[in-house]
Protein backbone atom coordinates (compact mmCIF):
# COMPACT_ATOMS: atom_id res chain seq x y z
CA UNK A 1 92.49 87.79 80.37
CA UNK A 2 89.15 87.98 78.59
CA UNK A 3 87.29 87.07 81.79
CA UNK A 4 89.20 89.74 83.69
CA UNK A 5 88.56 92.26 80.95
CA UNK A 6 84.83 91.45 80.95
CA UNK A 7 84.69 91.91 84.72
CA UNK A 8 83.76 88.26 85.34
CA UNK A 9 86.90 87.72 87.43
CA UNK A 10 88.42 90.18 89.87
CA UNK A 11 91.83 88.49 89.83
CA UNK A 12 93.64 86.11 87.50
CA UNK A 13 93.26 82.42 88.26
CA UNK A 14 96.01 81.04 86.04
CA UNK A 15 99.56 81.42 87.29
CA UNK A 16 101.92 80.35 84.56
CA UNK A 17 104.96 81.66 86.43
CA UNK A 18 104.96 78.57 88.68
CA UNK A 19 104.98 76.26 85.66
CA UNK A 20 107.70 78.29 83.95
CA UNK A 21 109.82 78.32 87.13
CA UNK A 22 109.56 74.54 87.43
CA UNK A 23 110.50 74.07 83.76
CA UNK A 24 112.88 77.00 83.41
CA UNK A 25 115.51 75.29 81.23
CA UNK A 26 112.88 73.92 78.83
CA UNK A 27 111.30 77.37 78.69
CA UNK A 28 114.61 78.97 77.72
CA UNK A 29 115.38 76.16 75.25
CA UNK A 30 112.04 76.71 73.53
CA UNK A 31 112.49 80.47 73.58
CA UNK A 32 115.94 80.08 72.02
CA UNK A 33 114.41 77.77 69.42
CA UNK A 34 112.04 80.56 68.42
CA UNK A 35 114.81 83.11 68.38
CA UNK A 36 117.43 81.04 66.50
CA UNK A 37 115.41 78.57 64.42
CA UNK A 38 112.03 80.26 64.14
CA UNK A 39 110.55 77.17 65.90
CA UNK A 40 107.36 78.70 67.20
CA UNK A 41 105.57 75.34 67.30
CA UNK A 42 107.67 73.88 70.17
CA UNK A 43 107.32 77.06 72.21
CA UNK A 44 103.53 77.14 71.67
CA UNK A 45 103.23 73.50 72.72
CA UNK A 46 105.26 74.26 75.85
CA UNK A 47 103.15 77.33 76.60
CA UNK A 48 99.83 75.52 76.04
CA UNK A 49 100.99 72.68 78.27
CA UNK A 50 101.67 75.31 80.92
CA UNK A 51 98.17 76.73 80.50
CA UNK A 52 96.69 73.23 80.83
CA UNK A 53 98.67 72.35 83.97
CA UNK A 54 97.98 75.77 85.54
CA UNK A 55 94.26 75.53 84.77
CA UNK A 56 94.06 72.06 86.32
CA UNK A 57 95.82 73.27 89.47
CA UNK A 58 93.57 76.32 89.71
CA UNK A 59 90.43 74.23 89.25
CA UNK A 60 91.59 71.80 91.93
CA UNK A 61 92.40 74.64 94.34
CA UNK A 62 89.04 76.32 93.73
CA UNK A 63 87.19 73.04 94.26
CA UNK A 64 89.07 72.52 97.54
CA UNK A 65 88.17 76.06 98.63
CA UNK A 66 84.50 75.44 97.77
CA UNK A 67 84.49 72.20 99.77
CA UNK A 68 85.99 74.07 102.71
CA UNK A 69 83.36 76.80 102.40
CA UNK A 70 80.52 74.24 102.31
CA UNK A 71 81.94 72.52 105.40
CA UNK A 72 82.23 75.83 107.27
CA UNK A 73 78.68 76.85 106.27
CA UNK A 74 77.41 73.56 107.70
CA UNK A 75 79.44 74.04 110.88
CA UNK A 76 78.20 77.59 111.41
CA UNK A 77 74.59 76.63 110.63
CA UNK A 78 74.79 74.04 113.40
CA UNK A 79 76.63 76.40 115.78
CA UNK A 80 74.28 79.38 115.58
CA UNK A 81 70.49 79.55 115.95
CA UNK A 82 70.44 82.52 113.58
CA UNK A 83 73.59 82.01 111.51
CA UNK A 84 73.16 84.85 108.97
CA UNK A 85 75.65 87.26 110.55
CA UNK A 86 78.19 84.46 110.99
CA UNK A 87 77.66 83.40 107.38
CA UNK A 88 78.13 87.01 106.28
CA UNK A 89 81.47 87.03 108.09
CA UNK A 90 82.44 83.74 106.46
CA UNK A 91 81.68 85.11 102.99
CA UNK A 92 83.61 88.25 103.87
CA UNK A 93 86.64 86.15 104.89
CA UNK A 94 86.74 84.52 101.47
CA UNK A 95 87.24 87.96 99.94
CA UNK A 96 89.33 89.48 102.72
CA UNK A 97 91.18 86.84 104.76
CA UNK A 98 92.85 89.25 107.21
CA UNK A 99 90.46 91.34 109.32
CA UNK A 100 90.19 93.51 112.38
CA UNK A 101 87.23 94.29 114.60
CA UNK A 102 86.89 97.68 112.91
CA UNK A 103 86.70 95.99 109.50
CA UNK A 104 83.69 94.01 110.68
CA UNK A 105 82.06 97.06 112.24
CA UNK A 106 82.48 99.15 109.09
CA UNK A 107 82.11 96.59 106.30
CA UNK A 108 79.51 94.24 107.80
CA UNK A 109 77.77 97.11 109.61
CA UNK A 110 77.51 95.39 112.97
CA UNK A 111 77.90 96.79 116.50
CA UNK A 112 81.31 96.52 118.25
CA UNK A 113 80.05 93.95 120.76
CA UNK A 114 78.77 91.72 117.96
CA UNK A 115 82.07 92.07 116.10
CA UNK A 116 84.02 91.08 119.23
CA UNK A 117 81.74 88.10 119.88
CA UNK A 118 82.03 86.89 116.28
CA UNK A 119 85.79 87.22 116.20
CA UNK A 120 86.17 85.39 119.52
CA UNK A 121 83.80 82.61 118.45
CA UNK A 122 85.45 82.17 115.05
CA UNK A 123 88.80 82.00 116.82
CA UNK A 124 87.49 79.39 119.27
CA UNK A 125 86.16 77.35 116.33
CA UNK A 126 89.57 77.51 114.65
CA UNK A 127 88.30 79.51 111.68
CA UNK A 128 90.30 82.60 112.62
CA UNK A 129 93.69 83.00 114.26
CA UNK A 130 94.73 86.16 116.07
CA UNK A 131 98.11 87.17 114.60
CA UNK A 132 99.26 90.26 116.52
CA UNK A 133 99.46 88.98 120.09
CA UNK A 134 98.00 92.31 121.23
CA UNK A 135 95.11 92.91 123.60
CA UNK A 136 93.75 95.81 121.56
CA UNK A 137 93.66 96.48 117.82
CA UNK A 138 93.98 92.79 117.15
CA UNK A 139 94.13 91.38 113.65
CA UNK A 140 92.82 87.98 112.68
CA UNK A 141 93.73 85.73 109.77
CA UNK A 142 91.37 83.27 108.12
CA UNK A 143 92.79 79.81 108.67
CA UNK A 144 92.18 78.78 105.07
CA UNK A 145 94.88 76.32 104.09
CA UNK A 146 96.76 78.39 101.53
CA UNK A 147 98.64 75.32 100.34
CA UNK A 148 95.61 74.45 98.21
CA UNK A 149 96.66 77.27 95.89
CA UNK A 150 100.15 75.88 95.20
């Protein structure tokens, strides 16, 4: 929360709800212990264990995402003679994983033909997947394996 408050993170990276869901009965037992027996120590230990497990999972997921990004940077650097626009799109996808051609035109400030070429090439490389099935106004999803965040 301090990192969010200081503006160093744009979103939380610890998700305790997953840990609590997986240990729901122990959570309620410890909460009842606080309520009935004033046993704050057991609940704090449970909570801190949840923070530890959640932090380890987040760190592992972020490391996996960074490895993926490094691999994709290498792939795009080999694919393009002048990879800067492609690398700009890759960085953009890590902040906005669902995009349209108009998003690229407006946010990356590139011409429509360049946006179309990039989207088609990223789709051919398996980096993007078209998700509407339409011929026009198509939307693409970054094929980042979201299971790394579970």
